[in-house]
Each structure stands twice: as structure tokens, then as C-alpha cells.
Amino acid sequence: MVYKNLFNRLFFSLFFFIIYFICLNNQYLLFILGTLIYLFVFYEIYKFFRKLFKLILSYLILSYICFSIYFILHYDYLTFNVFVFTIILFDSFSYFTGKFFGKNYIFKFISPKKTLEGYLGGIFFTNFFYITYFYLIQIEINLVKLIILLNLTILFSIFGDLIESYFKRKNNIKDSSKYLPGHGGYFDRFDSFIASIIFLTIYNII
């Protein structure tokens, strides 16, 4: 059962990778893709979340407004891709590090499967990957700004995951839906992005 869940997780992750890469060089396709994902999340909230509904809805509306502002006024190809892949890499590294080495469970009352080892592994390997990547391809980039962007994105990714877990716990549900086997639902899969895009928009405005 564990390996089936892992297979489903990898399969649907690959599926989203393919769609993302199809849209990668087109800002408008990315905006449409993001809007469709938000619509799926809104549908899940409407159908499965009863408690704190107005609060959750307000949170999603704020996130979508920030998403729209970013794409209309501040979109940058390199920054956005670093942002997106930071979320993906941190989530993946945290998942596998926690899966194989996790012992110290934290946030038990909100998200019981999260471990300190998973978080630390995710932070370390995500930073290591990007610093190594930009060094090898020799693109001129402000390393301090890169590290700040990486780690603030990671921080808000963690917040996004915990916020979504809190909303699920208040509604006594394990997954936001069953639409994405291995991931739960769209809210489960994109919880980190929903919170982090608020940060990215404010980061660019400032």
C-alpha cells in the first residue's frame, strides 16, 4: 500500500511536470494553468470544507489576487521558475528525507507526519541544489538574494502546508479530496504555492 501511494505520487508529479513544461515559455498559458488549479481548489473548499469556510475562502481569494498581480505586473521568467522549483524540490526532499530518516515528529496536532529531519533535509538539499546548479551553469546571479528568496519561499511553503493541514483538521478530513491519488486533492498538492505566492508578490512589490 505504501509503495502504491508512492507510485501514484510520482506518477501525478510527473504529469504536472509535463503540463508545466508545456506552458513554461508562455506567461499567459502559465496564468491560465494557475487559474484552473485555483478553480479546482475553490471547488474542493466549496464541496468538502464546512467549518471556517469564510476564512478559508478569504485566504484563497487573497492568494489568487496576489497570483494575478504577480503575473500582470511582476512576472519574471527566472524568478518564477526558481520559486516554483524551490517549492517542488523542498516538498520532494522533505518527503523522502522524512520518509527514510524521520524520527522526531513536530506539529503533531496539526500535521502529524511532518518530522524535523524531513524539514532540515528539505532545506539543506534545496539550498545545495540551487547553489550548485547556478555555480555549474555560471549564470551571474546575486547569491545573497537567491538564498533569501529560496529560504523565505521555503518558510512560506511550510506555513502553507500547516495552514492547509489545520483547515483539514478543523473539518475532520484527511485529504482535501481524492482527485489526485498519492497527493490527496488540489488544495493538498498546491497548499505551499497558495501561501508562497502571497510572499512572492509582496517581495516583488517591496
C-alpha atoms as a PDB file:
ATOM      1  CA  MET A   1       0.000   0.000   0.000  1.00  0.00           C
ATOM      2  CA  VAL A   2       2.870   2.350   0.842  1.00  0.00           C
ATOM      3  CA  TYR A   3       4.569   1.672  -2.490  1.00  0.00           C
ATOM      4  CA  LYS A   4       1.294   2.110  -4.372  1.00  0.00           C
ATOM      5  CA  ASN A   5       0.877   5.516  -2.764  1.00  0.00           C
ATOM      6  CA  LEU A   6       4.479   6.387  -3.669  1.00  0.00           C
ATOM      7  CA  PHE A   7       3.879   5.299  -7.268  1.00  0.00           C
ATOM      8  CA  ASN A   8       0.734   7.427  -7.501  1.00  0.00           C
ATOM      9  CA  ARG A   9       2.602  10.386  -6.026  1.00  0.00           C
ATOM     10  CA  LEU A  10       5.437  10.041  -8.546  1.00  0.00           C
ATOM     11  CA  PHE A  11       3.056   9.485 -11.457  1.00  0.00           C
ATOM     12  CA  PHE A  12       0.952  12.563 -10.813  1.00  0.00           C
ATOM     13  CA  SER A  13       4.043  14.641 -10.029  1.00  0.00           C
ATOM     14  CA  LEU A  14       5.405  13.669 -13.461  1.00  0.00           C
ATOM     15  CA  PHE A  15       2.031  14.525 -15.005  1.00  0.00           C
ATOM     16  CA  PHE A  16       2.158  18.061 -13.588  1.00  0.00           C
ATOM     17  CA  PHE A  17       5.796  18.423 -14.595  1.00  0.00           C
ATOM     18  CA  ILE A  18       4.867  17.676 -18.209  1.00  0.00           C
ATOM     19  CA  ILE A  19       1.984  20.168 -18.202  1.00  0.00           C
ATOM     20  CA  TYR A  20       4.177  22.798 -16.565  1.00  0.00           C
ATOM     21  CA  PHE A  21       6.940  22.359 -19.123  1.00  0.00           C
ATOM     22  CA  ILE A  22       4.417  22.640 -21.953  1.00  0.00           C
ATOM     23  CA  CYS A  23       3.350  26.023 -20.547  1.00  0.00           C
ATOM     24  CA  LEU A  24       6.824  27.039 -19.380  1.00  0.00           C
ATOM     25  CA  ASN A  25       7.704  29.558 -22.089  1.00  0.00           C
ATOM     26  CA  ASN A  26       4.295  31.171 -22.257  1.00  0.00           C
ATOM     27  CA  GLN A  27       3.343  33.544 -19.447  1.00  0.00           C
ATOM     28  CA  TYR A  28      -0.327  33.516 -20.427  1.00  0.00           C
ATOM     29  CA  LEU A  29      -0.555  29.715 -20.509  1.00  0.00           C
ATOM     30  CA  LEU A  30       1.009  29.621 -17.040  1.00  0.00           C
ATOM     31  CA  PHE A  31      -1.556  32.126 -15.808  1.00  0.00           C
ATOM     32  CA  ILE A  32      -4.397  30.044 -17.293  1.00  0.00           C
ATOM     33  CA  LEU A  33      -2.957  26.858 -15.777  1.00  0.00           C
ATOM     34  CA  GLY A  34      -2.703  28.536 -12.385  1.00  0.00           C
ATOM     35  CA  THR A  35      -6.248  29.863 -12.642  1.00  0.00           C
ATOM     36  CA  LEU A  36      -7.569  26.364 -13.438  1.00  0.00           C
ATOM     37  CA  ILE A  37      -5.786  24.967 -10.395  1.00  0.00           C
ATOM     38  CA  TYR A  38      -7.304  27.691  -8.191  1.00  0.00           C
ATOM     39  CA  LEU A  39     -10.735  26.825  -9.569  1.00  0.00           C
ATOM     40  CA  PHE A  40     -10.237  23.176  -8.584  1.00  0.00           C
ATOM     41  CA  VAL A  41      -9.176  24.279  -5.104  1.00  0.00           C
ATOM     42  CA  PHE A  42     -12.205  26.575  -4.786  1.00  0.00           C
ATOM     43  CA  TYR A  43     -14.415  23.638  -5.782  1.00  0.00           C
ATOM     44  CA  GLU A  44     -12.852  21.389  -3.134  1.00  0.00           C
ATOM     45  CA  ILE A  45     -13.378  24.056  -0.486  1.00  0.00           C
ATOM     46  CA  TYR A  46     -16.995  24.545  -1.527  1.00  0.00           C
ATOM     47  CA  LYS A  47     -17.719  20.811  -1.527  1.00  0.00           C
ATOM     48  CA  PHE A  48     -15.760  19.424   1.412  1.00  0.00           C
ATOM     49  CA  PHE A  49     -14.961  22.236   3.864  1.00  0.00           C
ATOM     50  CA  ARG A  50     -17.778  23.345   6.120  1.00  0.00           C
ATOM     51  CA  LYS A  51     -16.047  24.786   9.170  1.00  0.00           C
ATOM     52  CA  LEU A  52     -14.107  28.053   8.793  1.00  0.00           C
ATOM     53  CA  PHE A  53     -15.445  28.260   5.244  1.00  0.00           C
ATOM     54  CA  LYS A  54     -15.379  32.071   5.039  1.00  0.00           C
ATOM     55  CA  LEU A  55     -11.854  32.217   6.451  1.00  0.00           C
ATOM     56  CA  ILE A  56     -10.581  29.587   4.002  1.00  0.00           C
ATOM     57  CA  LEU A  57     -12.349  31.292   1.116  1.00  0.00           C
ATOM     58  CA  SER A  58     -10.845  34.669   2.057  1.00  0.00           C
ATOM     59  CA  TYR A  59      -7.396  33.086   2.242  1.00  0.00           C
ATOM     60  CA  LEU A  60      -7.766  31.594  -1.244  1.00  0.00           C
ATOM     61  CA  ILE A  61      -9.141  34.830  -2.700  1.00  0.00           C
ATOM     62  CA  LEU A  62      -6.182  36.758  -1.242  1.00  0.00           C
ATOM     63  CA  SER A  63      -3.796  34.202  -2.731  1.00  0.00           C
ATOM     64  CA  TYR A  64      -5.420  34.372  -6.163  1.00  0.00           C
ATOM     65  CA  ILE A  65      -5.377  38.177  -6.142  1.00  0.00           C
ATOM     66  CA  CYS A  66      -1.642  38.078  -5.361  1.00  0.00           C
ATOM     67  CA  PHE A  67      -1.141  35.457  -8.062  1.00  0.00           C
ATOM     68  CA  SER A  68      -2.901  37.693 -10.590  1.00  0.00           C
ATOM     69  CA  ILE A  69      -0.990  40.827  -9.523  1.00  0.00           C
ATOM     70  CA  TYR A  70       2.291  38.968  -9.827  1.00  0.00           C
ATOM     71  CA  PHE A  71       1.578  37.732 -13.341  1.00  0.00           C
ATOM     72  CA  ILE A  72       0.196  41.043 -14.563  1.00  0.00           C
ATOM     73  CA  LEU A  73       2.793  43.382 -13.033  1.00  0.00           C
ATOM     74  CA  HIS A  74       5.837  41.495 -11.767  1.00  0.00           C
ATOM     75  CA  TYR A  75       6.277  38.258 -13.691  1.00  0.00           C
ATOM     76  CA  ASP A  76       9.889  37.284 -14.304  1.00  0.00           C
ATOM     77  CA  TYR A  77      10.748  34.010 -16.031  1.00  0.00           C
ATOM     78  CA  LEU A  78      13.825  33.139 -13.962  1.00  0.00           C
ATOM     79  CA  THR A  79      12.450  34.250 -10.600  1.00  0.00           C
ATOM     80  CA  PHE A  80       9.155  32.435 -11.062  1.00  0.00           C
ATOM     81  CA  ASN A  81      10.828  29.186 -12.081  1.00  0.00           C
ATOM     82  CA  VAL A  82      13.249  29.370  -9.158  1.00  0.00           C
ATOM     83  CA  PHE A  83      10.216  29.985  -6.944  1.00  0.00           C
ATOM     84  CA  VAL A  84       8.186  27.072  -8.345  1.00  0.00           C
ATOM     85  CA  PHE A  85      11.031  24.578  -8.296  1.00  0.00           C
ATOM     86  CA  THR A  86      12.027  25.652  -4.795  1.00  0.00           C
ATOM     87  CA  ILE A  87       8.571  24.579  -3.633  1.00  0.00           C
ATOM     88  CA  ILE A  88       8.753  21.329  -5.612  1.00  0.00           C
ATOM     89  CA  LEU A  89      12.293  20.466  -4.516  1.00  0.00           C
ATOM     90  CA  PHE A  90      11.674  21.327  -0.874  1.00  0.00           C
ATOM     91  CA  ASP A  91       8.497  19.246  -0.841  1.00  0.00           C
ATOM     92  CA  SER A  92      10.219  16.295  -2.542  1.00  0.00           C
ATOM     93  CA  PHE A  93      13.413  16.394  -0.475  1.00  0.00           C
ATOM     94  CA  SER A  94      11.395  16.795   2.732  1.00  0.00           C
ATOM     95  CA  TYR A  95       9.127  13.892   1.789  1.00  0.00           C
ATOM     96  CA  PHE A  96      11.930  11.438   1.054  1.00  0.00           C
ATOM     97  CA  THR A  97      14.201  12.588   3.893  1.00  0.00           C
ATOM     98  CA  GLY A  98      11.320  12.340   6.326  1.00  0.00           C
ATOM     99  CA  LYS A  99      10.223   9.007   4.878  1.00  0.00           C
ATOM    100  CA  PHE A 100      13.590   7.328   5.372  1.00  0.00           C
ATOM    101  CA  PHE A 101      15.167   9.257   8.263  1.00  0.00           C
ATOM    102  CA  GLY A 102      12.310  10.985  10.077  1.00  0.00           C
ATOM    103  CA  LYS A 103      12.098  10.238  13.796  1.00  0.00           C
ATOM    104  CA  ASN A 104      11.231  13.460  15.570  1.00  0.00           C
ATOM    105  CA  TYR A 105       7.649  14.384  14.750  1.00  0.00           C
ATOM    106  CA  ILE A 106       6.717  18.031  15.123  1.00  0.00           C
ATOM    107  CA  PHE A 107       3.393  19.868  14.773  1.00  0.00           C
ATOM    108  CA  LYS A 108       1.692  16.601  15.815  1.00  0.00           C
ATOM    109  CA  PHE A 109      -1.644  18.261  16.442  1.00  0.00           C
ATOM    110  CA  ILE A 110      -1.737  19.879  13.011  1.00  0.00           C
ATOM    111  CA  SER A 111       0.290  17.728  10.620  1.00  0.00           C
ATOM    112  CA  PRO A 112       1.355  14.533  12.415  1.00  0.00           C
ATOM    113  CA  LYS A 113       3.574  13.103   9.658  1.00  0.00           C
ATOM    114  CA  LYS A 114       5.956  16.055   9.465  1.00  0.00           C
ATOM    115  CA  THR A 115       9.371  15.459  11.013  1.00  0.00           C
ATOM    116  CA  LEU A 116      12.268  17.692  11.974  1.00  0.00           C
ATOM    117  CA  GLU A 117      14.582  15.541   9.849  1.00  0.00           C
ATOM    118  CA  GLY A 118      12.303  15.980   6.849  1.00  0.00           C
ATOM    119  CA  TYR A 119      12.272  19.765   7.156  1.00  0.00           C
ATOM    120  CA  LEU A 120      16.026  20.016   7.700  1.00  0.00           C
ATOM    121  CA  GLY A 121      16.727  17.671   4.806  1.00  0.00           C
ATOM    122  CA  GLY A 122      14.417  19.653   2.558  1.00  0.00           C
ATOM    123  CA  ILE A 123      16.069  22.958   3.469  1.00  0.00           C
ATOM    124  CA  PHE A 124      19.614  21.643   3.104  1.00  0.00           C
ATOM    125  CA  PHE A 125      19.187  19.779  -0.187  1.00  0.00           C
ATOM    126  CA  THR A 126      17.132  22.553  -1.813  1.00  0.00           C
ATOM    127  CA  ASN A 127      19.794  25.159  -0.998  1.00  0.00           C
ATOM    128  CA  PHE A 128      22.585  22.793  -2.022  1.00  0.00           C
ATOM    129  CA  PHE A 129      20.889  22.020  -5.328  1.00  0.00           C
ATOM    130  CA  TYR A 130      20.377  25.640  -6.345  1.00  0.00           C
ATOM    131  CA  ILE A 131      23.778  26.919  -5.234  1.00  0.00           C
ATOM    132  CA  THR A 132      25.458  24.048  -7.093  1.00  0.00           C
ATOM    133  CA  TYR A 133      23.221  24.480 -10.154  1.00  0.00           C
ATOM    134  CA  PHE A 134      23.879  28.194 -10.611  1.00  0.00           C
ATOM    135  CA  TYR A 135      27.585  27.682  -9.953  1.00  0.00           C
ATOM    136  CA  LEU A 136      27.859  24.972 -12.618  1.00  0.00           C
ATOM    137  CA  ILE A 137      25.922  26.796 -15.324  1.00  0.00           C
ATOM    138  CA  GLN A 138      27.780  30.003 -14.450  1.00  0.00           C
ATOM    139  CA  ILE A 139      24.805  32.375 -14.629  1.00  0.00           C
ATOM    140  CA  GLU A 140      25.520  35.677 -12.950  1.00  0.00           C
ATOM    141  CA  ILE A 141      23.134  35.936 -10.046  1.00  0.00           C
ATOM    142  CA  ASN A 142      23.139  37.700  -6.697  1.00  0.00           C
ATOM    143  CA  LEU A 143      23.814  34.792  -4.338  1.00  0.00           C
ATOM    144  CA  VAL A 144      22.529  36.642  -1.265  1.00  0.00           C
ATOM    145  CA  LYS A 145      19.218  37.467  -2.964  1.00  0.00           C
ATOM    146  CA  LEU A 146      18.965  33.878  -4.213  1.00  0.00           C
ATOM    147  CA  ILE A 147      19.426  32.439  -0.721  1.00  0.00           C
ATOM    148  CA  ILE A 148      16.922  34.931   0.728  1.00  0.00           C
ATOM    149  CA  LEU A 149      14.362  34.061  -1.971  1.00  0.00           C
ATOM    150  CA  LEU A 150      14.934  30.324  -1.518  1.00  0.00           C
ATOM    151  CA  ASN A 151      14.588  30.250   2.223  1.00  0.00           C
ATOM    152  CA  LEU A 152      11.690  32.694   2.522  1.00  0.00           C
ATOM    153  CA  THR A 153       9.871  30.642  -0.112  1.00  0.00           C
ATOM    154  CA  ILE A 154      10.604  27.516   1.946  1.00  0.00           C
ATOM    155  CA  LEU A 155       9.367  29.238   5.110  1.00  0.00           C
ATOM    156  CA  PHE A 156       6.082  30.230   3.480  1.00  0.00           C
ATOM    157  CA  SER A 157       5.802  26.759   1.951  1.00  0.00           C
ATOM    158  CA  ILE A 158       5.890  25.327   5.455  1.00  0.00           C
ATOM    159  CA  PHE A 159       3.280  27.861   6.604  1.00  0.00           C
ATOM    160  CA  GLY A 160       1.075  26.981   3.628  1.00  0.00           C
ATOM    161  CA  ASP A 161       1.258  23.287   4.389  1.00  0.00           C
ATOM    162  CA  LEU A 162       0.483  23.800   8.073  1.00  0.00           C
ATOM    163  CA  ILE A 163      -2.383  26.213   7.362  1.00  0.00           C
ATOM    164  CA  GLU A 164      -3.991  23.726   4.974  1.00  0.00           C
ATOM    165  CA  SER A 165      -3.463  20.885   7.464  1.00  0.00           C
ATOM    166  CA  TYR A 166      -5.129  22.996  10.162  1.00  0.00           C
ATOM    167  CA  PHE A 167      -8.128  23.661   7.934  1.00  0.00           C
ATOM    168  CA  LYS A 168      -8.456  19.933   7.192  1.00  0.00           C
ATOM    169  CA  ARG A 169      -8.174  19.009  10.852  1.00  0.00           C
ATOM    170  CA  LYS A 170     -10.880  21.512  11.791  1.00  0.00           C
ATOM    171  CA  ASN A 171     -13.102  19.875   9.160  1.00  0.00           C
ATOM    172  CA  ASN A 172     -12.170  16.328  10.236  1.00  0.00           C
ATOM    173  CA  ILE A 173     -10.932  15.277   6.811  1.00  0.00           C
ATOM    174  CA  LYS A 174      -7.669  13.605   5.842  1.00  0.00           C
ATOM    175  CA  ASP A 175      -7.428  14.881   2.248  1.00  0.00           C
ATOM    176  CA  SER A 176      -8.958  17.915   0.572  1.00  0.00           C
ATOM    177  CA  SER A 177     -10.357  15.427  -1.990  1.00  0.00           C
ATOM    178  CA  LYS A 178      -9.465  12.171  -3.743  1.00  0.00           C
ATOM    179  CA  TYR A 179      -8.903  13.782  -7.132  1.00  0.00           C
ATOM    180  CA  LEU A 180      -5.103  13.322  -7.116  1.00  0.00           C
ATOM    181  CA  PRO A 181      -4.139   9.837  -5.861  1.00  0.00           C
ATOM    182  CA  GLY A 182      -0.942   9.956  -3.846  1.00  0.00           C
ATOM    183  CA  HIS A 183      -1.386  13.642  -3.145  1.00  0.00           C
ATOM    184  CA  GLY A 184      -4.952  13.923  -1.894  1.00  0.00           C
ATOM    185  CA  GLY A 185      -6.559  16.865  -3.657  1.00  0.00           C
ATOM    186  CA  TYR A 186      -5.565  20.087  -5.358  1.00  0.00           C
ATOM    187  CA  PHE A 187      -5.550  22.000  -2.081  1.00  0.00           C
ATOM    188  CA  ASP A 188      -3.222  19.326  -0.664  1.00  0.00           C
ATOM    189  CA  ARG A 189      -0.917  19.468  -3.660  1.00  0.00           C
ATOM    190  CA  PHE A 190      -0.742  23.261  -4.029  1.00  0.00           C
ATOM    191  CA  ASP A 191      -1.034  24.346  -0.388  1.00  0.00           C
ATOM    192  CA  SER A 192       2.575  25.588  -0.339  1.00  0.00           C
ATOM    193  CA  PHE A 193       2.155  27.555  -3.565  1.00  0.00           C
ATOM    194  CA  ILE A 194      -1.067  29.173  -2.335  1.00  0.00           C
ATOM    195  CA  ALA A 195       0.731  30.681   0.663  1.00  0.00           C
ATOM    196  CA  SER A 196       4.086  31.332  -1.016  1.00  0.00           C
ATOM    197  CA  ILE A 197       2.692  33.313  -3.959  1.00  0.00           C
ATOM    198  CA  ILE A 198       1.449  35.881  -1.418  1.00  0.00           C
ATOM    199  CA  PHE A 199       5.028  36.241  -0.209  1.00  0.00           C
ATOM    200  CA  LEU A 200       6.469  36.381  -3.747  1.00  0.00           C
ATOM    201  CA  THR A 201       4.093  39.169  -4.756  1.00  0.00           C
ATOM    202  CA  ILE A 202       4.875  41.254  -1.661  1.00  0.00           C
ATOM    203  CA  TYR A 203       8.604  40.509  -2.173  1.00  0.00           C
ATOM    204  CA  ASN A 204       8.429  41.961  -5.690  1.00  0.00           C
ATOM    205  CA  ILE A 205       6.351  44.969  -4.659  1.00  0.00           C
ATOM    206  CA  ILE A 206       8.856  45.833  -1.921  1.00  0.00           C
END
